[in-house]
C-alpha atoms as a PDB file:
ATOM      1  CA  MET A   1      26.135  41.023   6.556  1.00  0.00           C
ATOM      2  CA  LYS A   2      27.031  44.103   8.524  1.00  0.00           C
ATOM      3  CA  LYS A   3      28.296  47.325   6.943  1.00  0.00           C
ATOM      4  CA  ARG A   4      29.567  50.537   8.479  1.00  0.00           C
ATOM      5  CA  LYS A   5      29.202  53.860   6.633  1.00  0.00           C
ATOM      6  CA  LYS A   6      29.428  57.387   8.071  1.00  0.00           C
ATOM      7  CA  GLY A   7      28.966  56.117  11.616  1.00  0.00           C
ATOM      8  CA  ILE A   8      25.449  54.649  10.898  1.00  0.00           C
ATOM      9  CA  THR A   9      24.853  51.006  11.668  1.00  0.00           C
ATOM     10  CA  ARG A  10      23.131  49.268   8.785  1.00  0.00           C
ATOM     11  CA  TYR A  11      21.766  45.746   8.390  1.00  0.00           C
ATOM     12  CA  THR A  12      21.219  43.953   5.139  1.00  0.00           C
ATOM     13  CA  VAL A  13      18.457  41.376   4.914  1.00  0.00           C
ATOM     14  CA  MET A  14      18.659  38.793   2.124  1.00  0.00           C
ATOM     15  CA  PHE A  15      15.615  37.030   0.678  1.00  0.00           C
ATOM     16  CA  ILE A  16      16.422  33.756  -1.131  1.00  0.00           C
ATOM     17  CA  PRO A  17      13.476  32.250  -3.062  1.00  0.00           C
ATOM     18  CA  ASP A  18      13.100  28.460  -3.302  1.00  0.00           C
ATOM     19  CA  THR A  19      12.545  28.490  -7.067  1.00  0.00           C
ATOM     20  CA  SER A  20      15.379  30.727  -8.206  1.00  0.00           C
ATOM     21  CA  ASP A  21      18.949  31.354  -7.566  1.00  0.00           C
ATOM     22  CA  ASN A  22      18.430  35.126  -7.633  1.00  0.00           C
ATOM     23  CA  ALA A  23      18.711  36.474  -4.090  1.00  0.00           C
ATOM     24  CA  LYS A  24      17.166  39.769  -3.059  1.00  0.00           C
ATOM     25  CA  THR A  25      18.516  42.007  -0.339  1.00  0.00           C
ATOM     26  CA  TYR A  26      16.915  44.714   1.747  1.00  0.00           C
ATOM     27  CA  GLU A  27      18.854  47.275   3.733  1.00  0.00           C
ATOM     28  CA  LEU A  28      17.429  48.134   7.209  1.00  0.00           C
ATOM     29  CA  THR A  29      18.662  50.997   9.412  1.00  0.00           C
ATOM     30  CA  PHE A  30      17.668  52.255  12.868  1.00  0.00           C
ATOM     31  CA  ASP A  31      16.375  55.493  11.297  1.00  0.00           C
ATOM     32  CA  ARG A  32      14.047  53.576   9.025  1.00  0.00           C
ATOM     33  CA  MET A  33      12.885  51.372  11.927  1.00  0.00           C
ATOM     34  CA  ALA A  34      12.146  54.472  14.032  1.00  0.00           C
ATOM     35  CA  ARG A  35      10.060  55.978  11.218  1.00  0.00           C
ATOM     36  CA  TRP A  36       8.047  52.760  10.912  1.00  0.00           C
ATOM     37  CA  ILE A  37       7.505  52.614  14.667  1.00  0.00           C
ATOM     38  CA  VAL A  38       6.345  56.258  14.744  1.00  0.00           C
ATOM     39  CA  LEU A  39       3.988  55.580  11.828  1.00  0.00           C
ATOM     40  CA  VAL A  40       2.446  52.546  13.580  1.00  0.00           C
ATOM     41  CA  VAL A  41       2.066  54.456  16.848  1.00  0.00           C
ATOM     42  CA  CYS A  42       0.338  57.328  15.018  1.00  0.00           C
ATOM     43  CA  ILE A  43      -2.073  54.935  13.325  1.00  0.00           C
ATOM     44  CA  ILE A  44      -2.894  53.285  16.678  1.00  0.00           C
ATOM     45  CA  ALA A  45      -3.391  56.681  18.330  1.00  0.00           C
ATOM     46  CA  LEU A  46      -5.663  57.760  15.486  1.00  0.00           C
ATOM     47  CA  VAL A  47      -7.776  54.606  15.848  1.00  0.00           C
ATOM     48  CA  ILE A  48      -8.008  55.124  19.633  1.00  0.00           C
ATOM     49  CA  CYS A  49      -9.084  58.752  19.178  1.00  0.00           C
ATOM     50  CA  LEU A  50     -11.721  57.639  16.701  1.00  0.00           C
ATOM     51  CA  PHE A  51     -13.127  55.077  19.144  1.00  0.00           C
ATOM     52  CA  VAL A  52     -13.103  57.610  22.016  1.00  0.00           C
ATOM     53  CA  SER A  53     -14.905  60.129  19.845  1.00  0.00           C
ATOM     54  CA  ILE A  54     -17.568  57.559  18.943  1.00  0.00           C
ATOM     55  CA  ILE A  55     -18.043  56.591  22.625  1.00  0.00           C
ATOM     56  CA  LEU A  56     -18.337  60.225  23.727  1.00  0.00           C
ATOM     57  CA  ARG A  57     -20.823  60.895  20.960  1.00  0.00           C
ATOM     58  CA  ASN A  58     -22.930  57.896  21.986  1.00  0.00           C
ATOM     59  CA  ASN A  59     -22.820  59.008  25.624  1.00  0.00           C
ATOM     60  CA  GLU A  60     -23.965  62.474  24.616  1.00  0.00           C
ATOM     61  CA  ILE A  61     -26.802  60.994  22.606  1.00  0.00           C
ATOM     62  CA  MET A  62     -27.883  58.712  25.463  1.00  0.00           C
ATOM     63  CA  TYR A  63     -27.045  60.698  28.594  1.00  0.00           C
ATOM     64  CA  GLY A  64     -26.995  64.296  27.405  1.00  0.00           C
ATOM     65  CA  GLU A  65     -29.505  66.964  28.414  1.00  0.00           C
ATOM     66  CA  ASN A  66     -31.905  65.754  25.731  1.00  0.00           C
ATOM     67  CA  GLY A  67     -30.550  62.215  25.497  1.00  0.00           C
ATOM     68  CA  TYR A  68     -32.499  58.998  25.362  1.00  0.00           C
ATOM     69  CA  VAL A  69     -31.921  58.191  29.035  1.00  0.00           C
ATOM     70  CA  GLU A  70     -33.189  61.625  30.087  1.00  0.00           C
ATOM     71  CA  GLN A  71     -36.249  61.210  27.884  1.00  0.00           C
ATOM     72  CA  ILE A  72     -36.910  57.751  29.328  1.00  0.00           C
ATOM     73  CA  ARG A  73     -36.542  59.104  32.884  1.00  0.00           C
ATOM     74  CA  ALA A  74     -38.982  61.926  32.075  1.00  0.00           C
ATOM     75  CA  LEU A  75     -41.481  59.413  30.697  1.00  0.00           C
ATOM     76  CA  GLN A  76     -41.109  57.254  33.829  1.00  0.00           C
ATOM     77  CA  GLU A  77     -41.721  60.264  36.087  1.00  0.00           C
ATOM     78  CA  GLU A  78     -44.795  61.154  34.046  1.00  0.00           C
ATOM     79  CA  ASN A  79     -46.063  57.574  34.338  1.00  0.00           C
ATOM     80  CA  ASP A  80     -45.495  57.626  38.115  1.00  0.00           C
ATOM     81  CA  ARG A  81     -47.374  60.911  38.397  1.00  0.00           C
ATOM     82  CA  LEU A  82     -50.295  59.571  36.387  1.00  0.00           C
ATOM     83  CA  ARG A  83     -50.295  56.363  38.469  1.00  0.00           C
ATOM     84  CA  ASP A  84     -50.377  58.393  41.699  1.00  0.00           C
ATOM     85  CA  GLN A  85     -53.248  60.494  40.377  1.00  0.00           C
ATOM     86  CA  ALA A  86     -55.143  57.337  39.457  1.00  0.00           C
ATOM     87  CA  GLY A  87     -54.527  55.925  42.949  1.00  0.00           C
ATOM     88  CA  GLU A  88     -55.727  59.131  44.639  1.00  0.00           C
ATOM     89  CA  THR A  89     -58.839  59.085  42.485  1.00  0.00           C
ATOM     90  CA  ALA A  90     -59.513  55.473  43.461  1.00  0.00           C
ATOM     91  CA  VAL A  91     -58.974  56.243  47.154  1.00  0.00           C
ATOM     92  CA  SER A  92     -61.263  59.264  46.939  1.00  0.00           C
ATOM     93  CA  LYS A  93     -63.889  57.170  45.192  1.00  0.00           C
ATOM     94  CA  GLY A  94     -63.525  54.450  47.834  1.00  0.00           C
ATOM     95  CA  ALA A  95     -63.900  57.034  50.620  1.00  0.00           C
ATOM     96  CA  ASP A  96     -67.052  58.407  48.999  1.00  0.00           C
ATOM     97  CA  GLU A  97     -68.493  54.900  48.696  1.00  0.00           C
ATOM     98  CA  ALA A  98     -67.591  54.191  52.326  1.00  0.00           C
ATOM     99  CA  ALA A  99     -69.304  57.411  53.410  1.00  0.00           C
ATOM    100  CA  GLU A 100     -72.419  56.482  51.442  1.00  0.00           C
ATOM    101  CA  GLU A 101     -72.393  53.008  52.991  1.00  0.00           C
ATOM    102  CA  THR A 102     -72.027  54.484  56.486  1.00  0.00           C
ATOM    103  CA  ALA A 103     -74.922  56.847  55.848  1.00  0.00           C
ATOM    104  CA  ALA A 104     -77.026  53.930  54.622  1.00  0.00           C
ATOM    105  CA  LEU A 105     -76.159  51.932  57.749  1.00  0.00           C
ATOM    106  CA  LYS A 106     -77.062  54.908  59.882  1.00  0.00           C
ATOM    107  CA  GLU A 107     -80.448  55.307  58.209  1.00  0.00           C
ATOM    108  CA  GLU A 108     -81.070  51.557  58.406  1.00  0.00           C
ATOM    109  CA  GLY A 109     -80.086  51.458  62.070  1.00  0.00           C
ATOM    110  CA  ALA A 110     -82.242  54.465  62.890  1.00  0.00           C
ATOM    111  CA  GLY A 111     -85.191  52.931  61.048  1.00  0.00           C
ATOM    112  CA  GLU A 112     -84.879  49.645  62.900  1.00  0.00           C
ATOM    113  CA  ALA A 113     -84.540  51.475  66.202  1.00  0.00           C
ATOM    114  CA  GLU A 114     -87.779  53.343  65.534  1.00  0.00           C
ATOM    115  CA  LYS A 115     -89.579  50.088  64.743  1.00  0.00           C
ATOM    116  CA  ASP A 116     -88.397  48.340  67.910  1.00  0.00           C
ATOM    117  CA  ALA A 117     -89.787  49.123  71.318  1.00  0.00           C
ATOM    118  CA  VAL A 118     -87.692  51.646  73.225  1.00  0.00           C
ATOM    119  CA  ASP A 119     -86.131  50.410  76.471  1.00  0.00           C
ATOM    120  CA  GLU A 120     -87.315  52.774  79.198  1.00  0.00           C
ATOM    121  CA  GLU A 121     -84.792  51.458  81.726  1.00  0.00           C
ATOM    122  CA  PRO A 122     -81.805  53.741  82.426  1.00  0.00           C
ATOM    123  CA  PRO A 123     -78.247  52.520  81.667  1.00  0.00           C
ATOM    124  CA  ALA A 124     -77.462  50.493  84.766  1.00  0.00           C
ATOM    125  CA  ILE A 125     -74.332  48.452  83.958  1.00  0.00           C
ATOM    126  CA  LEU A 126     -70.701  49.466  84.287  1.00  0.00           C
ATOM    127  CA  PRO A 127     -68.961  50.488  81.048  1.00  0.00           C
ATOM    128  CA  ILE A 128     -65.886  48.326  81.691  1.00  0.00           C
ATOM    129  CA  ASN A 129     -65.819  44.598  80.955  1.00  0.00           C
ATOM    130  CA  GLY A 130     -62.650  43.475  82.676  1.00  0.00           C
ATOM    131  CA  ILE A 131     -60.394  44.506  85.548  1.00  0.00           C
ATOM    132  CA  ALA A 132     -60.772  48.183  86.457  1.00  0.00           C
ATOM    133  CA  THR A 133     -60.616  50.472  89.495  1.00  0.00           C
ATOM    134  CA  VAL A 134     -62.803  53.500  90.142  1.00  0.00           C
ATOM    135  CA  ILE A 135     -60.560  56.539  90.689  1.00  0.00           C
ATOM    136  CA  LYS A 136     -60.790  60.292  90.964  1.00  0.00           C
ATOM    137  CA  ASP A 137     -60.710  62.100  87.626  1.00  0.00           C
ATOM    138  CA  PRO A 138     -57.001  62.825  86.842  1.00  0.00           C
ATOM    139  CA  THR A 139     -57.863  65.061  83.895  1.00  0.00           C
ATOM    140  CA  GLY A 140     -58.708  68.083  86.055  1.00  0.00           C
ATOM    141  CA  GLU A 141     -62.355  68.090  84.895  1.00  0.00           C
ATOM    142  CA  ALA A 142     -63.778  66.870  88.221  1.00  0.00           C
ATOM    143  CA  ALA A 143     -65.120  70.314  89.120  1.00  0.00           C
ATOM    144  CA  GLU A 144     -66.897  70.677  85.772  1.00  0.00           C
ATOM    145  CA  TYR A 145     -68.220  67.102  85.704  1.00  0.00           C
ATOM    146  CA  PRO A 146     -68.678  66.111  89.368  1.00  0.00           C
ATOM    147  CA  ASP A 147     -70.965  63.179  88.506  1.00  0.00           C
ATOM    148  CA  ARG A 148     -68.545  61.541  86.095  1.00  0.00           C
ATOM    149  CA  MET A 149     -67.394  58.025  86.978  1.00  0.00           C
ATOM    150  CA  VAL A 150     -63.736  57.429  86.105  1.00  0.00           C
ATOM    151  CA  PHE A 151     -61.992  54.042  85.775  1.00  0.00           C
ATOM    152  CA  LEU A 152     -58.370  52.962  85.557  1.00  0.00           C
ATOM    153  CA  ALA A 153     -58.329  49.839  83.358  1.00  0.00           C
ATOM    154  CA  LEU A 154     -55.826  47.369  81.960  1.00  0.00           C
ATOM    155  CA  LYS A 155     -54.880  46.647  78.366  1.00  0.00           C
ATOM    156  CA  ASP A 156     -57.438  44.615  76.354  1.00  0.00           C
ATOM    157  CA  SER A 157     -60.280  45.577  78.705  1.00  0.00           C
ATOM    158  CA  GLU A 158     -63.502  46.206  76.768  1.00  0.00           C
ATOM    159  CA  VAL A 159     -65.651  49.326  76.968  1.00  0.00           C
ATOM    160  CA  ILE A 160     -69.296  48.232  76.625  1.00  0.00           C
ATOM    161  CA  ALA A 161     -72.616  49.976  76.040  1.00  0.00           C
ATOM    162  CA  GLY A 162     -74.722  50.659  79.122  1.00  0.00           C
ATOM    163  CA  ALA A 163     -77.985  50.114  77.230  1.00  0.00           C
ATOM    164  CA  ASP A 164     -79.457  49.705  73.744  1.00  0.00           C
ATOM    165  CA  GLY A 165     -78.989  52.735  71.526  1.00  0.00           C
ATOM    166  CA  ILE A 166     -77.448  54.442  68.527  1.00  0.00           C
ATOM    167  CA  VAL A 167     -73.872  55.753  68.268  1.00  0.00           C
ATOM    168  CA  LYS A 168     -74.753  59.412  67.898  1.00  0.00           C
ATOM    169  CA  GLU A 169     -71.267  60.934  67.755  1.00  0.00           C
ATOM    170  CA  ILE A 170     -67.602  59.954  67.894  1.00  0.00           C
ATOM    171  CA  TYR A 171     -65.185  62.707  68.893  1.00  0.00           C
ATOM    172  CA  GLU A 172     -61.410  62.566  68.608  1.00  0.00           C
ATOM    173  CA  TYR A 173     -59.091  64.824  70.595  1.00  0.00           C
ATOM    174  CA  GLU A 174     -55.356  65.488  70.537  1.00  0.00           C
ATOM    175  CA  GLN A 175     -53.729  62.728  72.525  1.00  0.00           C
ATOM    176  CA  ARG A 176     -52.066  63.935  75.741  1.00  0.00           C
ATOM    177  CA  LYS A 177     -50.972  62.263  78.960  1.00  0.00           C
ATOM    178  CA  ASN A 178     -53.793  61.756  81.475  1.00  0.00           C
ATOM    179  CA  GLU A 179     -56.338  63.163  79.034  1.00  0.00           C
ATOM    180  CA  TYR A 180     -59.066  61.620  76.923  1.00  0.00           C
ATOM    181  CA  SER A 181     -58.456  61.081  73.200  1.00  0.00           C
ATOM    182  CA  ILE A 182     -61.812  59.513  72.198  1.00  0.00           C
ATOM    183  CA  ALA A 183     -65.394  60.286  73.228  1.00  0.00           C
ATOM    184  CA  LEU A 184     -68.384  58.131  72.197  1.00  0.00           C
ATOM    185  CA  LEU A 185     -71.934  59.488  72.619  1.00  0.00           C
ATOM    186  CA  LEU A 186     -74.773  56.949  72.658  1.00  0.00           C
ATOM    187  CA  ASP A 187     -78.395  58.003  72.314  1.00  0.00           C
ATOM    188  CA  HIS A 188     -80.674  55.466  74.016  1.00  0.00           C
ATOM    189  CA  ARG A 189     -83.814  57.094  72.534  1.00  0.00           C
ATOM    190  CA  ASN A 190     -85.642  57.234  75.843  1.00  0.00           C
ATOM    191  CA  GLY A 191     -84.244  60.516  77.074  1.00  0.00           C
ATOM    192  CA  TYR A 192     -81.030  58.898  78.310  1.00  0.00           C
ATOM    193  CA  GLU A 193     -77.620  59.423  76.744  1.00  0.00           C
ATOM    194  CA  THR A 194     -74.268  57.986  77.812  1.00  0.00           C
ATOM    195  CA  VAL A 195     -70.778  59.316  77.121  1.00  0.00           C
ATOM    196  CA  TYR A 196     -67.676  57.085  77.084  1.00  0.00           C
ATOM    197  CA  LEU A 197     -64.347  58.937  77.260  1.00  0.00           C
ATOM    198  CA  ILE A 198     -61.167  56.918  76.648  1.00  0.00           C
ATOM    199  CA  SER A 199     -57.470  57.810  76.826  1.00  0.00           C
ATOM    200  CA  GLY A 200     -54.660  56.408  74.690  1.00  0.00           C
ATOM    201  CA  GLU A 201     -55.321  54.777  71.319  1.00  0.00           C
ATOM    202  CA  PRO A 202     -58.277  52.426  71.799  1.00  0.00           C
ATOM    203  CA  LYS A 203     -59.442  50.087  69.034  1.00  0.00           C
ATOM    204  CA  LEU A 204     -62.991  51.151  68.196  1.00  0.00           C
ATOM    205  CA  SER A 205     -65.571  48.488  67.333  1.00  0.00           C
ATOM    206  CA  VAL A 206     -68.343  50.875  66.245  1.00  0.00           C
ATOM    207  CA  GLN A 207     -68.868  53.776  63.909  1.00  0.00           C
ATOM    208  CA  LYS A 208     -71.198  56.743  63.882  1.00  0.00           C
ATOM    209  CA  GLY A 209     -74.820  55.787  63.208  1.00  0.00           C
ATOM    210  CA  MET A 210     -74.403  52.153  64.229  1.00  0.00           C
ATOM    211  CA  ARG A 211     -77.015  50.500  66.433  1.00  0.00           C
ATOM    212  CA  VAL A 212     -75.712  48.746  69.562  1.00  0.00           C
ATOM    213  CA  GLY A 213     -77.257  46.627  72.290  1.00  0.00           C
ATOM    214  CA  ARG A 214     -76.742  46.569  76.039  1.00  0.00           C
ATOM    215  CA  GLY A 215     -73.316  45.070  76.761  1.00  0.00           C
ATOM    216  CA  ASP A 216     -72.043  45.330  73.164  1.00  0.00           C
ATOM    217  CA  VAL A 217     -68.340  46.164  72.848  1.00  0.00           C
ATOM    218  CA  LEU A 218     -67.680  49.763  71.842  1.00  0.00           C
ATOM    219  CA  ALA A 219     -63.876  49.772  72.098  1.00  0.00           C
ATOM    220  CA  ARG A 220     -60.924  47.736  73.335  1.00  0.00           C
ATOM    221  CA  LEU A 221     -58.161  49.404  75.356  1.00  0.00           C
ATOM    222  CA  SER A 222     -54.692  49.261  73.821  1.00  0.00           C
ATOM    223  CA  GLU A 223     -52.528  49.988  76.859  1.00  0.00           C
ATOM    224  CA  ASP A 224     -52.357  49.474  80.607  1.00  0.00           C
ATOM    225  CA  GLU A 225     -53.572  52.210  82.966  1.00  0.00           C
ATOM    226  CA  SER A 226     -55.991  53.546  80.376  1.00  0.00           C
ATOM    227  CA  ILE A 227     -58.434  56.110  81.765  1.00  0.00           C
ATOM    228  CA  VAL A 228     -62.133  55.649  80.969  1.00  0.00           C
ATOM    229  CA  GLY A 229     -64.700  58.296  81.886  1.00  0.00           C
ATOM    230  CA  TYR A 230     -68.451  57.534  82.034  1.00  0.00           C
ATOM    231  CA  ASP A 231     -71.264  60.117  81.971  1.00  0.00           C
ATOM    232  CA  ILE A 232     -75.024  59.498  82.075  1.00  0.00           C
ATOM    233  CA  LEU A 233     -77.374  62.251  80.886  1.00  0.00           C
ATOM    234  CA  TYR A 234     -81.159  62.470  81.007  1.00  0.00           C
ATOM    235  CA  GLY A 235     -82.771  65.270  79.024  1.00  0.00           C
ATOM    236  CA  GLY A 236     -79.370  66.952  78.898  1.00  0.00           C
ATOM    237  CA  THR A 237     -78.973  66.867  82.698  1.00  0.00           C
ATOM    238  CA  SER A 238     -76.009  65.008  84.177  1.00  0.00           C
ATOM    239  CA  LEU A 239     -76.832  62.110  86.512  1.00  0.00           C
ATOM    240  CA  ASN A 240     -74.617  60.275  88.956  1.00  0.00           C
ATOM    241  CA  PRO A 241     -73.569  56.951  87.310  1.00  0.00           C
ATOM    242  CA  ALA A 242     -72.596  55.524  90.701  1.00  0.00           C
ATOM    243  CA  GLU A 243     -76.216  55.739  91.891  1.00  0.00           C
ATOM    244  CA  LEU A 244     -77.605  54.059  88.768  1.00  0.00           C
ATOM    245  CA  THR A 245     -75.009  51.301  88.611  1.00  0.00           C
ATOM    246  CA  GLY A 246     -74.773  50.769  92.371  1.00  0.00           C
ATOM    247  CA  LYS A 247     -71.003  51.335  92.300  1.00  0.00           C
ATOM    248  CA  GLU A 248     -69.785  54.024  94.662  1.00  0.00           C
ATOM    249  CA  GLN A 249     -66.744  56.045  93.595  1.00  0.00           C
ATOM    250  CA  ASP A 250     -63.720  56.067  95.931  1.00  0.00           C
END
């Protein structure tokens, strides 16, 4: 049923129960509907604000300056720092053990060398095992070391010991073009010493204090056109390697 009163549209809703003849009516207007809609919207907005507040609070607890995530991250960084310290300690310990082992090898090699008979023959074999050409010294040291024999060798060529001896020293220099980066000094314990100078980044097969025999591999060249210098000393005096090895320099 529709009624009009003072320009306001009203609707009447009738409820008829199944067990009684008494009917109940309820009057519904647009004003009343609007109030109900506003009330529902307010309740929904209040619930949403409550949920947002709870989420923001949880985020602050977890991700804030002193939140759980920040504390966990700090603990992880501390664990990483402690792990790195433990690794450095282990590496340092390993280096110390390696140094002790090297010293023991050196003493053992020196002791065995003293027991064995010393070879009185001078180093008389070429220091290159492979394809090589004798050239003039391109390092500019020819005037200072006129008796040095210099080779131009290919990759994978082997630098070998000229005679039995002990690796007395291994020197490393700053790598530059046409200059030596490694120098090996062998003491043959009969007054003779030999020096092997190598350019590039050779792969060394020996270490300081190691005993080597005539023809043993000292290093392997890692690149083509590697420069290898060879000096022979007797009592600290430089000798001409070409005369001892029978190979004349070009």
